[in-house]
């Protein structure tokens, strides 16, 4: 999984999951604002612009994100937000690990 990051020096981590047909650039403008206070992570979902692999399933993307958070952030981040397809992936993540983040934003799941 390829990720874009902003504000790497900040402690509080926000992950934003883009919708179908979009990519990390959907959150580029807001990430520029948030980076002064947060470490913003923008995963590129499989099968979308800039991705290194084809889309297979919501579940495989969810598992990949859980593994990424486990390996890089001790299994927990401050907030995960998801739009459309990203929200569906987020719901799958939460069904497996309800303690993976303190807050969520789910839009158009």
C-alpha atoms as a PDB file:
ATOM      1  CA  UNK A   1       0.000   0.000   0.000  1.00  0.00           C
ATOM      2  CA  UNK A   2       1.271   3.419  -0.931  1.00  0.00           C
ATOM      3  CA  UNK A   3       0.592   6.280   1.485  1.00  0.00           C
ATOM      4  CA  UNK A   4       1.074  10.037   1.333  1.00  0.00           C
ATOM      5  CA  UNK A   5       1.930  11.771   4.596  1.00  0.00           C
ATOM      6  CA  UNK A   6       1.739  15.312   5.915  1.00  0.00           C
ATOM      7  CA  UNK A   7       2.924  16.712   9.261  1.00  0.00           C
ATOM      8  CA  UNK A   8       5.066  13.704  10.146  1.00  0.00           C
ATOM      9  CA  UNK A   9       6.485  15.387  13.259  1.00  0.00           C
ATOM     10  CA  UNK A  10       3.086  15.640  14.959  1.00  0.00           C
ATOM     11  CA  UNK A  11       1.991  13.065  17.534  1.00  0.00           C
ATOM     12  CA  UNK A  12      -1.744  12.807  16.821  1.00  0.00           C
ATOM     13  CA  UNK A  13      -2.424  10.707  13.725  1.00  0.00           C
ATOM     14  CA  UNK A  14      -5.349  11.143  11.352  1.00  0.00           C
ATOM     15  CA  UNK A  15      -5.976   8.714   8.497  1.00  0.00           C
ATOM     16  CA  UNK A  16      -8.351   9.685   5.685  1.00  0.00           C
ATOM     17  CA  UNK A  17      -9.696   7.079   3.244  1.00  0.00           C
ATOM     18  CA  UNK A  18     -10.809   8.395  -0.136  1.00  0.00           C
ATOM     19  CA  UNK A  19     -13.846   7.303  -2.109  1.00  0.00           C
ATOM     20  CA  UNK A  20     -14.156   5.211  -5.252  1.00  0.00           C
ATOM     21  CA  UNK A  21     -12.726   6.819  -8.378  1.00  0.00           C
ATOM     22  CA  UNK A  22     -10.748   9.278  -6.260  1.00  0.00           C
ATOM     23  CA  UNK A  23      -7.308   9.067  -4.692  1.00  0.00           C
ATOM     24  CA  UNK A  24      -5.127  10.713  -2.052  1.00  0.00           C
ATOM     25  CA  UNK A  25      -5.401  14.056  -3.857  1.00  0.00           C
ATOM     26  CA  UNK A  26      -9.047  14.265  -2.741  1.00  0.00           C
ATOM     27  CA  UNK A  27      -7.706  15.207   0.713  1.00  0.00           C
ATOM     28  CA  UNK A  28      -4.638  17.179  -0.372  1.00  0.00           C
ATOM     29  CA  UNK A  29      -6.053  20.628   0.414  1.00  0.00           C
ATOM     30  CA  UNK A  30      -7.372  19.733   3.873  1.00  0.00           C
ATOM     31  CA  UNK A  31      -4.129  17.864   4.653  1.00  0.00           C
ATOM     32  CA  UNK A  32      -2.177  21.060   4.048  1.00  0.00           C
ATOM     33  CA  UNK A  33      -4.318  22.704   6.737  1.00  0.00           C
ATOM     34  CA  UNK A  34      -4.261  19.794   9.198  1.00  0.00           C
ATOM     35  CA  UNK A  35      -0.510  19.162   8.958  1.00  0.00           C
ATOM     36  CA  UNK A  36       0.306  21.989  11.367  1.00  0.00           C
ATOM     37  CA  UNK A  37      -1.378  20.056  14.204  1.00  0.00           C
ATOM     38  CA  UNK A  38      -1.671  16.450  13.024  1.00  0.00           C
ATOM     39  CA  UNK A  39       0.234  13.716  11.263  1.00  0.00           C
ATOM     40  CA  UNK A  40      -2.070  13.047   8.297  1.00  0.00           C
ATOM     41  CA  UNK A  41      -1.921   9.709   6.478  1.00  0.00           C
ATOM     42  CA  UNK A  42      -3.586   9.287   3.092  1.00  0.00           C
ATOM     43  CA  UNK A  43      -3.516   5.673   1.897  1.00  0.00           C
ATOM     44  CA  UNK A  44      -4.028   5.112  -1.814  1.00  0.00           C
ATOM     45  CA  UNK A  45      -6.685   2.414  -1.979  1.00  0.00           C
ATOM     46  CA  UNK A  46      -5.967  -0.519  -4.271  1.00  0.00           C
ATOM     47  CA  UNK A  47      -7.057   0.025  -7.867  1.00  0.00           C
ATOM     48  CA  UNK A  48      -7.083   3.821  -7.683  1.00  0.00           C
ATOM     49  CA  UNK A  49      -4.869   6.509  -9.215  1.00  0.00           C
ATOM     50  CA  UNK A  50      -1.314   6.101  -7.937  1.00  0.00           C
ATOM     51  CA  UNK A  51      -1.900   2.628  -6.486  1.00  0.00           C
ATOM     52  CA  UNK A  52       0.603  -0.166  -6.993  1.00  0.00           C
ATOM     53  CA  UNK A  53      -2.013  -2.940  -7.310  1.00  0.00           C
ATOM     54  CA  UNK A  54      -5.494  -3.787  -8.563  1.00  0.00           C
ATOM     55  CA  UNK A  55      -8.599  -3.561  -6.385  1.00  0.00           C
ATOM     56  CA  UNK A  56      -9.644  -6.927  -5.007  1.00  0.00           C
ATOM     57  CA  UNK A  57     -12.063  -6.320  -2.139  1.00  0.00           C
ATOM     58  CA  UNK A  58     -13.112  -4.039   0.681  1.00  0.00           C
ATOM     59  CA  UNK A  59     -11.942  -6.695   3.128  1.00  0.00           C
ATOM     60  CA  UNK A  60      -8.424  -6.917   1.666  1.00  0.00           C
ATOM     61  CA  UNK A  61      -8.041  -3.121   1.790  1.00  0.00           C
ATOM     62  CA  UNK A  62      -9.293  -3.127   5.396  1.00  0.00           C
ATOM     63  CA  UNK A  63      -6.825  -5.853   6.393  1.00  0.00           C
ATOM     64  CA  UNK A  64      -3.989  -3.982   4.725  1.00  0.00           C
ATOM     65  CA  UNK A  65      -4.828  -0.780   6.598  1.00  0.00           C
ATOM     66  CA  UNK A  66      -5.087  -2.617   9.930  1.00  0.00           C
ATOM     67  CA  UNK A  67      -1.671  -4.177   9.290  1.00  0.00           C
ATOM     68  CA  UNK A  68      -0.224  -0.763   8.363  1.00  0.00           C
ATOM     69  CA  UNK A  69      -1.526   0.819  11.579  1.00  0.00           C
ATOM     70  CA  UNK A  70      -0.296  -2.131  13.653  1.00  0.00           C
ATOM     71  CA  UNK A  71       3.177  -2.043  12.107  1.00  0.00           C
ATOM     72  CA  UNK A  72       3.656   1.724  12.126  1.00  0.00           C
ATOM     73  CA  UNK A  73       1.540   3.163  14.956  1.00  0.00           C
ATOM     74  CA  UNK A  74       1.261   0.453  17.623  1.00  0.00           C
ATOM     75  CA  UNK A  75      -2.245  -0.475  16.535  1.00  0.00           C
ATOM     76  CA  UNK A  76      -3.995   2.830  17.224  1.00  0.00           C
ATOM     77  CA  UNK A  77      -4.495   6.263  15.656  1.00  0.00           C
ATOM     78  CA  UNK A  78      -6.459   9.328  16.767  1.00  0.00           C
ATOM     79  CA  UNK A  79      -9.015   9.404  13.941  1.00  0.00           C
ATOM     80  CA  UNK A  80      -9.915   7.541  10.771  1.00  0.00           C
ATOM     81  CA  UNK A  81     -12.259   9.171   8.301  1.00  0.00           C
ATOM     82  CA  UNK A  82     -13.744   7.533   5.240  1.00  0.00           C
ATOM     83  CA  UNK A  83     -15.776   8.723   2.264  1.00  0.00           C
ATOM     84  CA  UNK A  84     -17.943   6.364   0.186  1.00  0.00           C
ATOM     85  CA  UNK A  85     -15.749   3.334  -0.599  1.00  0.00           C
ATOM     86  CA  UNK A  86     -13.330   4.565   2.074  1.00  0.00           C
ATOM     87  CA  UNK A  87     -16.220   4.620   4.561  1.00  0.00           C
ATOM     88  CA  UNK A  88     -17.154   1.046   3.652  1.00  0.00           C
ATOM     89  CA  UNK A  89     -13.553  -0.008   4.227  1.00  0.00           C
ATOM     90  CA  UNK A  90     -13.569   1.856   7.540  1.00  0.00           C
ATOM     91  CA  UNK A  91     -16.715   0.024   8.667  1.00  0.00           C
ATOM     92  CA  UNK A  92     -15.005  -3.281   7.876  1.00  0.00           C
ATOM     93  CA  UNK A  93     -11.946  -2.161   9.866  1.00  0.00           C
ATOM     94  CA  UNK A  94     -14.126  -1.229  12.847  1.00  0.00           C
ATOM     95  CA  UNK A  95     -15.983  -4.546  12.715  1.00  0.00           C
ATOM     96  CA  UNK A  96     -12.622  -6.263  13.199  1.00  0.00           C
ATOM     97  CA  UNK A  97     -10.935  -3.801  15.554  1.00  0.00           C
ATOM     98  CA  UNK A  98     -13.204  -1.315  17.306  1.00  0.00           C
ATOM     99  CA  UNK A  99     -10.268   0.113  19.288  1.00  0.00           C
ATOM    100  CA  UNK A 100      -8.079   0.975  16.277  1.00  0.00           C
ATOM    101  CA  UNK A 101      -8.935   4.676  16.598  1.00  0.00           C
ATOM    102  CA  UNK A 102     -10.419   7.089  19.121  1.00  0.00           C
ATOM    103  CA  UNK A 103     -12.703   8.849  16.624  1.00  0.00           C
ATOM    104  CA  UNK A 104     -14.259   8.142  13.242  1.00  0.00           C
ATOM    105  CA  UNK A 105     -15.921  10.119  10.487  1.00  0.00           C
ATOM    106  CA  UNK A 106     -18.057   7.962   8.209  1.00  0.00           C
ATOM    107  CA  UNK A 107     -19.610   9.638   5.171  1.00  0.00           C
ATOM    108  CA  UNK A 108     -21.807   7.936   2.564  1.00  0.00           C
ATOM    109  CA  UNK A 109     -21.027   4.347   3.483  1.00  0.00           C
END
